[in-house]
């Protein structure tokens, strides 16, 4: 398997930045992994806060569960989830994933061509 394909698959199917790390570009890989992790953390915190809000406002915590109250609260929480911060976090996740795949692929292609050039010089 070529380094280009290996790097792209690891960054795309594994974790953004993993392909770069396997291709021995650790700083690039760490930056992508940290950016992806930050975006993922922001989304998870937002989801946990929305879930806690739904539980508190629906009366589920006290045992007085009203299904209409729960539906209204969850609809409001979902509307609140689409704030600018949430959208930026999702954008960060998607963009680091795409950049990670493309960067690992082109980095691998460059390493593959260097290896072919070195092997042709050695003959």
N, C-alpha and C. Protein backbone atom coordinates (compact mmCIF):
# COMPACT_ATOMS: atom_id res chain seq x y z
N UNK A 1 0.84 -1.17 0.00
CA UNK A 1 0.00 0.00 0.00
C UNK A 1 0.89 1.24 0.00
N UNK A 2 0.53 2.21 -0.80
CA UNK A 2 1.33 3.42 -0.89
C UNK A 2 1.19 4.25 0.39
N UNK A 3 2.18 5.06 0.63
CA UNK A 3 2.15 5.92 1.81
C UNK A 3 1.01 6.93 1.71
N UNK A 4 0.72 7.37 0.50
CA UNK A 4 -0.36 8.34 0.30
C UNK A 4 -1.70 7.76 0.73
N UNK A 5 -1.99 6.56 0.28
CA UNK A 5 -3.25 5.91 0.62
C UNK A 5 -3.30 5.57 2.11
N UNK A 6 -2.22 5.08 2.64
CA UNK A 6 -2.15 4.72 4.05
C UNK A 6 -2.39 5.94 4.94
N UNK A 7 -1.74 7.05 4.63
CA UNK A 7 -1.91 8.27 5.42
C UNK A 7 -3.33 8.81 5.34
N UNK A 8 -3.90 8.81 4.13
CA UNK A 8 -5.26 9.33 3.96
C UNK A 8 -6.27 8.45 4.69
N UNK A 9 -6.11 7.15 4.62
CA UNK A 9 -7.04 6.25 5.31
C UNK A 9 -6.94 6.40 6.82
N UNK A 10 -5.74 6.51 7.33
CA UNK A 10 -5.58 6.65 8.78
C UNK A 10 -6.16 7.97 9.28
N UNK A 11 -5.99 9.04 8.51
CA UNK A 11 -6.55 10.33 8.92
C UNK A 11 -8.05 10.39 8.71
N UNK A 12 -8.54 9.68 7.71
CA UNK A 12 -9.97 9.72 7.42
C UNK A 12 -10.80 8.75 8.23
N UNK A 13 -10.31 7.54 8.37
CA UNK A 13 -11.07 6.52 9.08
C UNK A 13 -10.66 6.39 10.54
N UNK A 14 -9.45 6.80 10.84
CA UNK A 14 -8.97 6.71 12.21
C UNK A 14 -9.25 7.98 12.96
N UNK A 15 -8.31 8.87 12.95
CA UNK A 15 -8.39 10.13 13.68
C UNK A 15 -7.59 11.16 12.90
N UNK A 16 -8.12 12.34 12.68
CA UNK A 16 -7.34 13.35 11.95
C UNK A 16 -6.00 13.60 12.63
N UNK A 17 -4.94 13.54 11.83
CA UNK A 17 -3.59 13.72 12.34
C UNK A 17 -2.84 12.41 12.49
N UNK A 18 -3.57 11.29 12.55
CA UNK A 18 -2.93 9.99 12.70
C UNK A 18 -2.10 9.64 11.47
N UNK A 19 -2.60 9.96 10.29
CA UNK A 19 -1.85 9.70 9.06
C UNK A 19 -0.54 10.47 9.02
N UNK A 20 -0.58 11.72 9.46
CA UNK A 20 0.63 12.53 9.48
C UNK A 20 1.65 11.95 10.47
N UNK A 21 1.17 11.48 11.59
CA UNK A 21 2.08 10.91 12.59
C UNK A 21 2.73 9.63 12.09
N UNK A 22 1.97 8.81 11.39
CA UNK A 22 2.54 7.58 10.82
C UNK A 22 3.57 7.92 9.75
N UNK A 23 3.34 9.01 9.04
CA UNK A 23 4.29 9.45 8.01
C UNK A 23 5.43 10.29 8.60
N UNK A 24 5.53 10.31 9.91
CA UNK A 24 6.62 10.94 10.66
C UNK A 24 6.62 12.47 10.57
N UNK A 25 5.45 13.06 10.46
CA UNK A 25 5.30 14.51 10.54
C UNK A 25 4.47 14.78 11.80
N UNK A 26 5.15 14.69 12.92
CA UNK A 26 4.49 14.68 14.22
C UNK A 26 3.84 16.01 14.57
N UNK A 27 4.46 17.12 14.24
CA UNK A 27 3.89 18.42 14.57
C UNK A 27 2.58 18.65 13.83
N UNK A 28 2.57 18.35 12.53
CA UNK A 28 1.34 18.48 11.75
C UNK A 28 0.25 17.61 12.33
N UNK A 29 0.61 16.37 12.64
CA UNK A 29 -0.37 15.44 13.19
C UNK A 29 -0.91 15.90 14.52
N UNK A 30 -0.03 16.43 15.38
CA UNK A 30 -0.46 16.89 16.70
C UNK A 30 -1.39 18.09 16.58
N UNK A 31 -1.08 19.01 15.67
CA UNK A 31 -1.93 20.20 15.49
C UNK A 31 -3.31 19.78 15.01
N UNK A 32 -3.38 18.89 14.04
CA UNK A 32 -4.67 18.43 13.54
C UNK A 32 -5.44 17.67 14.61
N UNK A 33 -4.76 16.82 15.34
CA UNK A 33 -5.42 16.03 16.39
C UNK A 33 -5.94 16.94 17.50
N UNK A 34 -5.16 17.95 17.88
CA UNK A 34 -5.61 18.87 18.93
C UNK A 34 -6.79 19.72 18.46
N UNK A 35 -6.76 20.18 17.23
CA UNK A 35 -7.87 20.97 16.70
C UNK A 35 -9.14 20.13 16.63
N UNK A 36 -9.01 18.90 16.17
CA UNK A 36 -10.17 18.01 16.10
C UNK A 36 -10.68 17.70 17.50
N UNK A 37 -9.78 17.43 18.42
CA UNK A 37 -10.17 17.15 19.79
C UNK A 37 -10.86 18.33 20.46
N UNK A 38 -10.39 19.53 20.18
CA UNK A 38 -11.02 20.73 20.75
C UNK A 38 -12.44 20.89 20.22
N UNK A 39 -12.62 20.71 18.93
CA UNK A 39 -13.97 20.81 18.35
C UNK A 39 -14.90 19.74 18.90
N UNK A 40 -14.40 18.53 19.01
CA UNK A 40 -15.20 17.43 19.54
C UNK A 40 -15.56 17.68 21.00
N UNK A 41 -14.63 18.20 21.77
CA UNK A 41 -14.89 18.50 23.18
C UNK A 41 -15.97 19.57 23.31
N UNK A 42 -15.90 20.60 22.47
CA UNK A 42 -16.91 21.66 22.53
C UNK A 42 -18.30 21.11 22.21
N UNK A 43 -18.40 20.24 21.21
CA UNK A 43 -19.70 19.66 20.85
C UNK A 43 -20.22 18.78 21.98
N UNK A 44 -19.36 17.96 22.57
CA UNK A 44 -19.79 17.08 23.65
C UNK A 44 -20.22 17.86 24.88
N UNK A 45 -19.51 18.92 25.21
CA UNK A 45 -19.92 19.75 26.36
C UNK A 45 -21.28 20.39 26.10
N UNK A 46 -21.47 20.88 24.89
CA UNK A 46 -22.75 21.50 24.53
C UNK A 46 -23.88 20.47 24.62
N UNK A 47 -23.64 19.24 24.15
CA UNK A 47 -24.66 18.20 24.20
C UNK A 47 -24.97 17.79 25.64
N UNK A 48 -23.94 17.70 26.48
CA UNK A 48 -24.16 17.34 27.88
C UNK A 48 -24.95 18.42 28.61
N UNK A 49 -24.63 19.67 28.32
CA UNK A 49 -25.39 20.77 28.95
C UNK A 49 -26.85 20.76 28.51
N UNK A 50 -27.08 20.49 27.23
CA UNK A 50 -28.46 20.44 26.73
C UNK A 50 -29.21 19.28 27.39
N UNK A 51 -28.56 18.13 27.53
CA UNK A 51 -29.20 16.98 28.16
C UNK A 51 -29.54 17.27 29.62
N UNK A 52 -28.61 17.90 30.34
CA UNK A 52 -28.87 18.24 31.74
C UNK A 52 -30.00 19.26 31.85
N UNK A 53 -30.05 20.20 30.93
CA UNK A 53 -31.11 21.19 30.91
C UNK A 53 -32.47 20.53 30.69
N UNK A 54 -32.50 19.58 29.77
CA UNK A 54 -33.75 18.86 29.50
C UNK A 54 -34.20 18.09 30.73
N UNK A 55 -33.27 17.43 31.39
CA UNK A 55 -33.62 16.65 32.58
C UNK A 55 -34.13 17.55 33.69
N UNK A 56 -33.45 18.67 33.92
CA UNK A 56 -33.84 19.58 35.00
C UNK A 56 -35.20 20.23 34.74
N UNK A 57 -35.39 20.73 33.52
CA UNK A 57 -36.61 21.49 33.24
C UNK A 57 -37.82 20.60 32.96
N UNK A 58 -37.61 19.34 32.66
CA UNK A 58 -38.75 18.47 32.36
C UNK A 58 -39.34 17.83 33.60
N UNK A 59 -38.66 17.95 34.72
CA UNK A 59 -39.16 17.34 35.95
C UNK A 59 -38.74 15.90 36.11
N UNK A 60 -37.89 15.40 35.22
CA UNK A 60 -37.46 14.01 35.30
C UNK A 60 -36.60 13.76 36.54
N UNK A 61 -35.87 14.75 36.98
CA UNK A 61 -34.99 14.58 38.14
C UNK A 61 -35.80 14.42 39.42
N UNK A 62 -36.97 15.06 39.50
CA UNK A 62 -37.80 14.99 40.70
C UNK A 62 -38.81 13.87 40.64
N UNK A 63 -38.96 13.24 39.51
CA UNK A 63 -39.93 12.15 39.36
C UNK A 63 -41.27 12.62 38.85
N UNK A 64 -41.46 13.92 38.69
CA UNK A 64 -42.71 14.48 38.16
C UNK A 64 -42.56 14.67 36.66
N UNK A 65 -42.57 13.58 35.92
CA UNK A 65 -42.30 13.64 34.49
C UNK A 65 -43.57 13.98 33.72
N UNK A 66 -43.52 15.09 33.01
CA UNK A 66 -44.62 15.53 32.15
C UNK A 66 -44.09 15.48 30.72
N UNK A 67 -44.69 14.64 29.89
CA UNK A 67 -44.18 14.41 28.53
C UNK A 67 -44.25 15.69 27.69
N UNK A 68 -45.29 16.48 27.85
CA UNK A 68 -45.39 17.74 27.09
C UNK A 68 -44.30 18.72 27.50
N UNK A 69 -44.07 18.80 28.80
CA UNK A 69 -42.99 19.67 29.30
C UNK A 69 -41.65 19.21 28.75
N UNK A 70 -41.45 17.88 28.73
CA UNK A 70 -40.19 17.32 28.23
C UNK A 70 -40.00 17.63 26.74
N UNK A 71 -41.06 17.50 25.96
CA UNK A 71 -40.98 17.80 24.52
C UNK A 71 -40.68 19.28 24.28
N UNK A 72 -41.36 20.15 25.01
CA UNK A 72 -41.11 21.59 24.85
C UNK A 72 -39.69 21.95 25.24
N UNK A 73 -39.22 21.38 26.34
CA UNK A 73 -37.86 21.66 26.80
C UNK A 73 -36.83 21.15 25.80
N UNK A 74 -37.05 19.96 25.26
CA UNK A 74 -36.07 19.42 24.31
C UNK A 74 -36.07 20.21 23.00
N UNK A 75 -37.23 20.71 22.58
CA UNK A 75 -37.27 21.55 21.38
C UNK A 75 -36.52 22.86 21.59
N UNK A 76 -36.67 23.47 22.78
CA UNK A 76 -35.93 24.68 23.08
C UNK A 76 -34.42 24.41 23.16
N UNK A 77 -34.06 23.27 23.74
CA UNK A 77 -32.64 22.93 23.86
C UNK A 77 -32.02 22.69 22.49
N UNK A 78 -32.76 22.07 21.60
CA UNK A 78 -32.25 21.84 20.24
C UNK A 78 -32.09 23.16 19.49
N UNK A 79 -33.00 24.09 19.71
CA UNK A 79 -32.87 25.40 19.07
C UNK A 79 -31.65 26.13 19.62
N UNK A 80 -31.42 26.00 20.92
CA UNK A 80 -30.26 26.65 21.54
C UNK A 80 -28.95 26.01 21.10
N UNK A 81 -29.00 24.74 20.70
CA UNK A 81 -27.78 24.03 20.32
C UNK A 81 -27.20 24.55 19.01
N UNK A 82 -27.99 25.24 18.23
CA UNK A 82 -27.51 25.72 16.94
C UNK A 82 -27.03 27.17 17.03
N UNK A 83 -26.28 27.44 18.06
CA UNK A 83 -25.70 28.77 18.23
C UNK A 83 -24.41 28.85 17.42
N UNK A 84 -23.82 30.02 17.41
CA UNK A 84 -22.60 30.24 16.66
C UNK A 84 -21.46 29.35 17.17
N UNK A 85 -21.35 29.21 18.48
CA UNK A 85 -20.28 28.38 19.05
C UNK A 85 -20.39 26.93 18.61
N UNK A 86 -21.61 26.41 18.59
CA UNK A 86 -21.82 25.03 18.15
C UNK A 86 -21.48 24.87 16.67
N UNK A 87 -21.91 25.82 15.87
CA UNK A 87 -21.62 25.76 14.44
C UNK A 87 -20.12 25.85 14.16
N UNK A 88 -19.43 26.69 14.92
CA UNK A 88 -17.97 26.79 14.76
C UNK A 88 -17.27 25.49 15.16
N UNK A 89 -17.76 24.85 16.22
CA UNK A 89 -17.17 23.59 16.65
C UNK A 89 -17.36 22.51 15.60
N UNK A 90 -18.55 22.43 15.03
CA UNK A 90 -18.81 21.44 13.97
C UNK A 90 -17.96 21.75 12.74
N UNK A 91 -17.84 23.03 12.41
CA UNK A 91 -16.99 23.42 11.28
C UNK A 91 -15.53 23.03 11.53
N UNK A 92 -15.07 23.21 12.75
CA UNK A 92 -13.70 22.83 13.12
C UNK A 92 -13.49 21.33 12.96
N UNK A 93 -14.46 20.54 13.38
CA UNK A 93 -14.37 19.09 13.26
C UNK A 93 -14.30 18.67 11.80
N UNK A 94 -15.24 19.17 11.01
CA UNK A 94 -15.31 18.78 9.59
C UNK A 94 -14.08 19.27 8.83
N UNK A 95 -13.68 20.50 9.07
CA UNK A 95 -12.54 21.04 8.31
C UNK A 95 -11.23 20.34 8.68
N UNK A 96 -11.02 20.03 9.97
CA UNK A 96 -9.78 19.32 10.31
C UNK A 96 -9.78 17.92 9.74
N UNK A 97 -10.94 17.31 9.66
CA UNK A 97 -11.01 15.97 9.07
C UNK A 97 -10.63 16.02 7.59
N UNK A 98 -11.22 16.95 6.86
CA UNK A 98 -10.94 17.08 5.43
C UNK A 98 -9.49 17.48 5.19
N UNK A 99 -9.01 18.47 5.94
CA UNK A 99 -7.62 18.90 5.80
C UNK A 99 -6.67 17.77 6.16
N UNK A 100 -6.99 17.02 7.20
CA UNK A 100 -6.14 15.90 7.60
C UNK A 100 -6.02 14.84 6.51
N UNK A 101 -7.13 14.51 5.89
CA UNK A 101 -7.12 13.51 4.81
C UNK A 101 -6.30 14.01 3.63
N UNK A 102 -6.59 15.24 3.18
CA UNK A 102 -5.90 15.79 2.02
C UNK A 102 -4.41 15.96 2.29
N UNK A 103 -4.08 16.49 3.46
CA UNK A 103 -2.67 16.72 3.79
C UNK A 103 -1.91 15.39 3.87
N UNK A 104 -2.49 14.40 4.51
CA UNK A 104 -1.82 13.10 4.62
C UNK A 104 -1.64 12.47 3.25
N UNK A 105 -2.63 12.60 2.38
CA UNK A 105 -2.53 12.03 1.04
C UNK A 105 -1.39 12.69 0.25
N UNK A 106 -1.37 14.03 0.23
CA UNK A 106 -0.34 14.73 -0.54
C UNK A 106 1.04 14.57 0.08
N UNK A 107 1.10 14.51 1.38
CA UNK A 107 2.36 14.25 2.06
C UNK A 107 2.87 12.85 1.70
N UNK A 108 1.97 11.88 1.71
CA UNK A 108 2.34 10.52 1.33
C UNK A 108 2.77 10.42 -0.13
N UNK A 109 2.09 11.15 -1.01
CA UNK A 109 2.49 11.16 -2.42
C UNK A 109 3.90 11.69 -2.59
N UNK A 110 4.20 12.76 -1.84
CA UNK A 110 5.54 13.34 -1.92
C UNK A 110 6.58 12.34 -1.41
N UNK A 111 6.28 11.67 -0.32
CA UNK A 111 7.21 10.67 0.22
C UNK A 111 7.35 9.47 -0.72
N UNK A 112 6.24 9.07 -1.36
CA UNK A 112 6.30 7.98 -2.34
C UNK A 112 7.18 8.35 -3.53
N UNK A 113 7.02 9.58 -4.03
CA UNK A 113 7.82 10.00 -5.19
C UNK A 113 9.30 10.14 -4.81
N UNK A 114 9.58 10.60 -3.60
CA UNK A 114 10.98 10.67 -3.15
C UNK A 114 11.58 9.27 -3.04
N UNK A 115 10.81 8.32 -2.57
CA UNK A 115 11.31 6.94 -2.44
C UNK A 115 11.58 6.34 -3.82
N UNK A 116 10.68 6.62 -4.79
CA UNK A 116 10.91 6.12 -6.15
C UNK A 116 12.15 6.77 -6.76
N UNK A 117 12.33 8.06 -6.52
CA UNK A 117 13.49 8.77 -7.05
C UNK A 117 14.78 8.22 -6.44
N UNK A 118 14.78 7.98 -5.15
CA UNK A 118 15.96 7.43 -4.47
C UNK A 118 16.28 6.01 -4.94
N UNK A 119 15.23 5.22 -5.20
CA UNK A 119 15.48 3.85 -5.65
C UNK A 119 15.98 3.84 -7.09
N UNK A 120 15.54 4.79 -7.91
CA UNK A 120 16.03 4.84 -9.30
C UNK A 120 17.48 5.35 -9.35
N UNK A 121 17.85 6.19 -8.42
CA UNK A 121 19.23 6.67 -8.36
C UNK A 121 20.18 5.58 -7.90
N UNK A 122 19.65 4.71 -7.05
CA UNK A 122 20.50 3.64 -6.51
C UNK A 122 20.78 2.55 -7.51
N UNK A 123 20.05 2.50 -8.58
CA UNK A 123 20.26 1.43 -9.59
C UNK A 123 21.30 1.78 -10.58
